[in-house]
C-alpha atoms as a PDB file:
ATOM      1  CA  ASP A   1      -3.723 -20.133 -27.827  1.00  0.00           C
ATOM      2  CA  ILE A   2      -0.552 -19.747 -29.866  1.00  0.00           C
ATOM      3  CA  ASP A   3      -1.211 -22.901 -31.923  1.00  0.00           C
ATOM      4  CA  ALA A   4      -4.486 -21.451 -33.162  1.00  0.00           C
ATOM      5  CA  LEU A   5      -2.673 -18.311 -34.270  1.00  0.00           C
ATOM      6  CA  TYR A   6      -0.107 -20.368 -36.184  1.00  0.00           C
ATOM      7  CA  THR A   7      -2.972 -22.246 -37.866  1.00  0.00           C
ATOM      8  CA  ALA A   8      -4.666 -18.978 -38.824  1.00  0.00           C
ATOM      9  CA  LEU A   9      -1.410 -17.643 -40.266  1.00  0.00           C
ATOM     10  CA  GLN A  10      -0.863 -20.767 -42.332  1.00  0.00           C
ATOM     11  CA  ARG A  11      -4.417 -20.478 -43.682  1.00  0.00           C
ATOM     12  CA  LEU A  12      -3.856 -16.817 -44.566  1.00  0.00           C
ATOM     13  CA  ARG A  13      -0.653 -17.684 -46.395  1.00  0.00           C
ATOM     14  CA  LYS A  14      -2.360 -20.512 -48.299  1.00  0.00           C
ATOM     15  CA  ARG A  15      -5.331 -18.314 -49.241  1.00  0.00           C
ATOM     16  CA  PHE A  16      -3.159 -15.297 -50.156  1.00  0.00           C
ATOM     17  CA  PRO A  17       0.223 -16.708 -51.256  1.00  0.00           C
ATOM     18  CA  ASP A  18       1.555 -13.379 -52.558  1.00  0.00           C
ATOM     19  CA  ALA A  19       0.324 -11.188 -49.697  1.00  0.00           C
ATOM     20  CA  LEU A  20       2.738  -9.326 -47.464  1.00  0.00           C
ATOM     21  CA  ILE A  21       1.849 -10.301 -43.900  1.00  0.00           C
ATOM     22  CA  VAL A  22       2.876  -7.549 -41.510  1.00  0.00           C
ATOM     23  CA  PHE A  23       3.337  -7.968 -37.777  1.00  0.00           C
ATOM     24  CA  ILE A  24       3.362  -4.906 -35.550  1.00  0.00           C
ATOM     25  CA  ARG A  25       5.686  -5.065 -32.550  1.00  0.00           C
ATOM     26  CA  ASP A  26       4.360  -2.572 -30.075  1.00  0.00           C
ATOM     27  CA  TRP A  27       5.295  -1.966 -26.480  1.00  0.00           C
ATOM     28  CA  TYR A  28       3.724  -0.346 -23.479  1.00  0.00           C
ATOM     29  CA  ILE A  29       4.731   0.973 -20.107  1.00  0.00           C
ATOM     30  CA  VAL A  30       2.583  -1.067 -17.727  1.00  0.00           C
ATOM     31  CA  GLY A  31       3.909  -4.594 -17.347  1.00  0.00           C
ATOM     32  CA  MET A  32       6.848  -4.250 -19.728  1.00  0.00           C
ATOM     33  CA  ILE A  33       9.009  -1.881 -17.692  1.00  0.00           C
ATOM     34  CA  GLY A  34       9.896  -2.558 -14.097  1.00  0.00           C
ATOM     35  CA  TYR A  35      12.564  -3.555 -11.620  1.00  0.00           C
ATOM     36  CA  VAL A  36      13.352  -6.457  -9.338  1.00  0.00           C
ATOM     37  CA  ASP A  37      12.515  -5.665  -5.734  1.00  0.00           C
ATOM     38  CA  ASN A  38      14.985  -7.609  -3.600  1.00  0.00           C
ATOM     39  CA  VAL A  39      12.875  -7.079  -0.466  1.00  0.00           C
ATOM     40  CA  LYS A  40       9.664  -8.345  -2.107  1.00  0.00           C
ATOM     41  CA  ARG A  41      11.688 -10.820  -4.133  1.00  0.00           C
ATOM     42  CA  GLY A  42       9.758 -10.131  -7.268  1.00  0.00           C
ATOM     43  CA  TRP A  43       9.086  -7.984 -10.291  1.00  0.00           C
ATOM     44  CA  VAL A  44       7.523  -4.562  -9.768  1.00  0.00           C
ATOM     45  CA  ASP A  45       6.143  -2.915 -12.892  1.00  0.00           C
ATOM     46  CA  THR A  46       5.626   0.798 -13.362  1.00  0.00           C
ATOM     47  CA  GLU A  47       1.942   0.600 -12.453  1.00  0.00           C
ATOM     48  CA  GLU A  48       2.572  -1.078  -9.107  1.00  0.00           C
ATOM     49  CA  TRP A  49       5.496   1.277  -8.422  1.00  0.00           C
ATOM     50  CA  ASN A  50       3.357   4.319  -9.286  1.00  0.00           C
ATOM     51  CA  LYS A  51       0.681   3.220  -6.792  1.00  0.00           C
ATOM     52  CA  LYS A  52       3.149   2.917  -3.913  1.00  0.00           C
ATOM     53  CA  TYR A  53       2.602   5.273  -1.019  1.00  0.00           C
ATOM     54  CA  ARG A  54      -0.990   5.849  -2.223  1.00  0.00           C
ATOM     55  CA  VAL A  55       0.117   8.511  -4.694  1.00  0.00           C
ATOM     56  CA  GLU A  56      -0.762   7.458  -8.234  1.00  0.00           C
ATOM     57  CA  LEU A  57       0.324  10.050 -10.769  1.00  0.00           C
ATOM     58  CA  PRO A  58      -0.794  10.325 -14.412  1.00  0.00           C
ATOM     59  CA  ILE A  59       1.967   8.915 -16.608  1.00  0.00           C
ATOM     60  CA  HIS A  60       2.070  12.007 -18.822  1.00  0.00           C
ATOM     61  CA  SER A  61       2.503  14.435 -15.928  1.00  0.00           C
ATOM     62  CA  ASP A  62       5.701  16.218 -14.964  1.00  0.00           C
ATOM     63  CA  ALA A  63       5.193  14.906 -11.436  1.00  0.00           C
ATOM     64  CA  TYR A  64       5.334  11.322 -12.753  1.00  0.00           C
ATOM     65  CA  ALA A  65       8.515  12.078 -14.700  1.00  0.00           C
ATOM     66  CA  ASN A  66      10.091  13.664 -11.618  1.00  0.00           C
ATOM     67  CA  LYS A  67       9.068  10.699  -9.440  1.00  0.00           C
ATOM     68  CA  PHE A  68      10.561   8.310 -12.002  1.00  0.00           C
ATOM     69  CA  LEU A  69      13.821  10.257 -12.312  1.00  0.00           C
ATOM     70  CA  GLN A  70      14.080  10.393  -8.524  1.00  0.00           C
ATOM     71  CA  SER A  71      13.717   6.607  -8.414  1.00  0.00           C
ATOM     72  CA  VAL A  72      16.653   6.295 -10.818  1.00  0.00           C
ATOM     73  CA  GLN A  73      18.736   8.566  -8.613  1.00  0.00           C
ATOM     74  CA  ASN A  74      17.738   6.362  -5.656  1.00  0.00           C
ATOM     75  CA  GLY A  75      19.199   3.324  -7.396  1.00  0.00           C
ATOM     76  CA  PHE A  76      16.193   1.703  -9.041  1.00  0.00           C
ATOM     77  CA  GLU A  77      17.385  -0.393 -11.992  1.00  0.00           C
ATOM     78  CA  TRP A  78      14.562  -0.213 -14.531  1.00  0.00           C
ATOM     79  CA  THR A  79      14.604  -2.915 -17.198  1.00  0.00           C
ATOM     80  CA  TRP A  80      12.455  -4.457 -19.892  1.00  0.00           C
ATOM     81  CA  SER A  81      10.457  -7.428 -18.715  1.00  0.00           C
ATOM     82  CA  THR A  82      11.754 -10.858 -19.662  1.00  0.00           C
ATOM     83  CA  GLN A  83       8.187 -11.537 -20.847  1.00  0.00           C
ATOM     84  CA  GLU A  84       8.767  -8.908 -23.517  1.00  0.00           C
ATOM     85  CA  GLN A  85      11.864 -10.767 -24.710  1.00  0.00           C
ATOM     86  CA  MET A  86       9.945 -14.059 -24.881  1.00  0.00           C
ATOM     87  CA  ARG A  87       7.121 -12.336 -26.770  1.00  0.00           C
ATOM     88  CA  ASP A  88       9.622 -11.013 -29.317  1.00  0.00           C
ATOM     89  CA  SER A  89      11.058 -14.484 -29.820  1.00  0.00           C
ATOM     90  CA  VAL A  90       7.601 -15.891 -30.587  1.00  0.00           C
ATOM     91  CA  LEU A  91       6.815 -12.970 -32.896  1.00  0.00           C
ATOM     92  CA  ILE A  92      10.010 -13.555 -34.871  1.00  0.00           C
ATOM     93  CA  GLN A  93       9.167 -17.255 -35.250  1.00  0.00           C
ATOM     94  CA  MET A  94       5.612 -16.476 -36.333  1.00  0.00           C
ATOM     95  CA  ALA A  95       6.693 -13.958 -38.936  1.00  0.00           C
ATOM     96  CA  ALA A  96       9.333 -16.329 -40.293  1.00  0.00           C
ATOM     97  CA  SER A  97       6.786 -19.151 -40.580  1.00  0.00           C
ATOM     98  CA  VAL A  98       4.830 -17.208 -43.223  1.00  0.00           C
ATOM     99  CA  GLY A  99       7.537 -14.971 -44.682  1.00  0.00           C
ATOM    100  CA  GLY A 100       6.094 -11.995 -42.826  1.00  0.00           C
ATOM    101  CA  GLN A 101       7.661  -8.687 -41.979  1.00  0.00           C
ATOM    102  CA  ILE A 102       7.883  -7.149 -38.501  1.00  0.00           C
ATOM    103  CA  ILE A 103       7.423  -3.417 -38.055  1.00  0.00           C
ATOM    104  CA  SER A 104       8.318  -1.991 -34.648  1.00  0.00           C
ATOM    105  CA  LEU A 105       6.840   0.931 -32.800  1.00  0.00           C
ATOM    106  CA  THR A 106       9.565   3.385 -31.862  1.00  0.00           C
ATOM    107  CA  ARG A 107      10.871   2.647 -28.370  1.00  0.00           C
ATOM    108  CA  PRO A 108      13.978   3.313 -26.311  1.00  0.00           C
ATOM    109  CA  GLU A 109      16.779   0.780 -26.219  1.00  0.00           C
ATOM    110  CA  ASN A 110      16.991   1.063 -22.439  1.00  0.00           C
ATOM    111  CA  ALA A 111      13.809   0.917 -20.380  1.00  0.00           C
ATOM    112  CA  VAL A 112      15.015   3.739 -18.145  1.00  0.00           C
ATOM    113  CA  ASP A 113      14.786   6.116 -21.130  1.00  0.00           C
ATOM    114  CA  PHE A 114      11.062   5.636 -21.757  1.00  0.00           C
ATOM    115  CA  LEU A 115       9.924   9.061 -20.500  1.00  0.00           C
ATOM    116  CA  ASP A 116      10.476  10.747 -23.881  1.00  0.00           C
ATOM    117  CA  TYR A 117       8.342   8.027 -25.508  1.00  0.00           C
ATOM    118  CA  ARG A 118       5.257   8.463 -23.313  1.00  0.00           C
ATOM    119  CA  LYS A 119       3.580  10.408 -26.131  1.00  0.00           C
ATOM    120  CA  TYR A 120       3.139   7.098 -27.984  1.00  0.00           C
ATOM    121  CA  ILE A 121       1.267   5.510 -25.079  1.00  0.00           C
ATOM    122  CA  ASP A 122      -2.240   6.318 -23.857  1.00  0.00           C
ATOM    123  CA  ALA A 123      -2.884   7.514 -20.299  1.00  0.00           C
ATOM    124  CA  ASP A 124      -3.622   3.933 -19.194  1.00  0.00           C
ATOM    125  CA  GLY A 125       0.026   3.044 -19.850  1.00  0.00           C
ATOM    126  CA  HIS A 126      -0.956   0.119 -22.037  1.00  0.00           C
ATOM    127  CA  HIS A 127      -2.713   1.157 -25.237  1.00  0.00           C
ATOM    128  CA  LEU A 128      -1.353   3.336 -28.014  1.00  0.00           C
ATOM    129  CA  SER A 129      -2.147   7.023 -28.040  1.00  0.00           C
ATOM    130  CA  LEU A 130      -3.198   8.854 -31.205  1.00  0.00           C
ATOM    131  CA  GLU A 131       0.490   9.692 -31.717  1.00  0.00           C
ATOM    132  CA  GLY A 132       1.410   6.030 -31.232  1.00  0.00           C
ATOM    133  CA  HIS A 133      -1.012   5.009 -33.958  1.00  0.00           C
ATOM    134  CA  LYS A 134       0.640   7.468 -36.332  1.00  0.00           C
ATOM    135  CA  ASP A 135       4.127   6.112 -35.683  1.00  0.00           C
END
């Protein structure tokens, strides 16, 4: 519940008026990167795409990278989820409400360029890897 989080932030600010409240903006592959499938008429994220044709490849493998690059050559238009944009909007509002600062995990500007950033993401495509925690 977002209202409960706002309440908690206000309480933190009241209790610690001089504290620097830091928000971490992370990202992940599963659910945040995908394309619109005009046949299915819906969003297809990388996890669903990777499971197509019953061949699920590990996201850190060369085979996965090759499969992804082939999809780009075949005309797939990979984008960031609109959910991610809405999440960022809420995060900005939350940080502003308590004078907080947002720190962002390194990520590509364009979703199609995420392959070089896989080192920051764990094998599940969602959580941070050890390298991602260092960034």
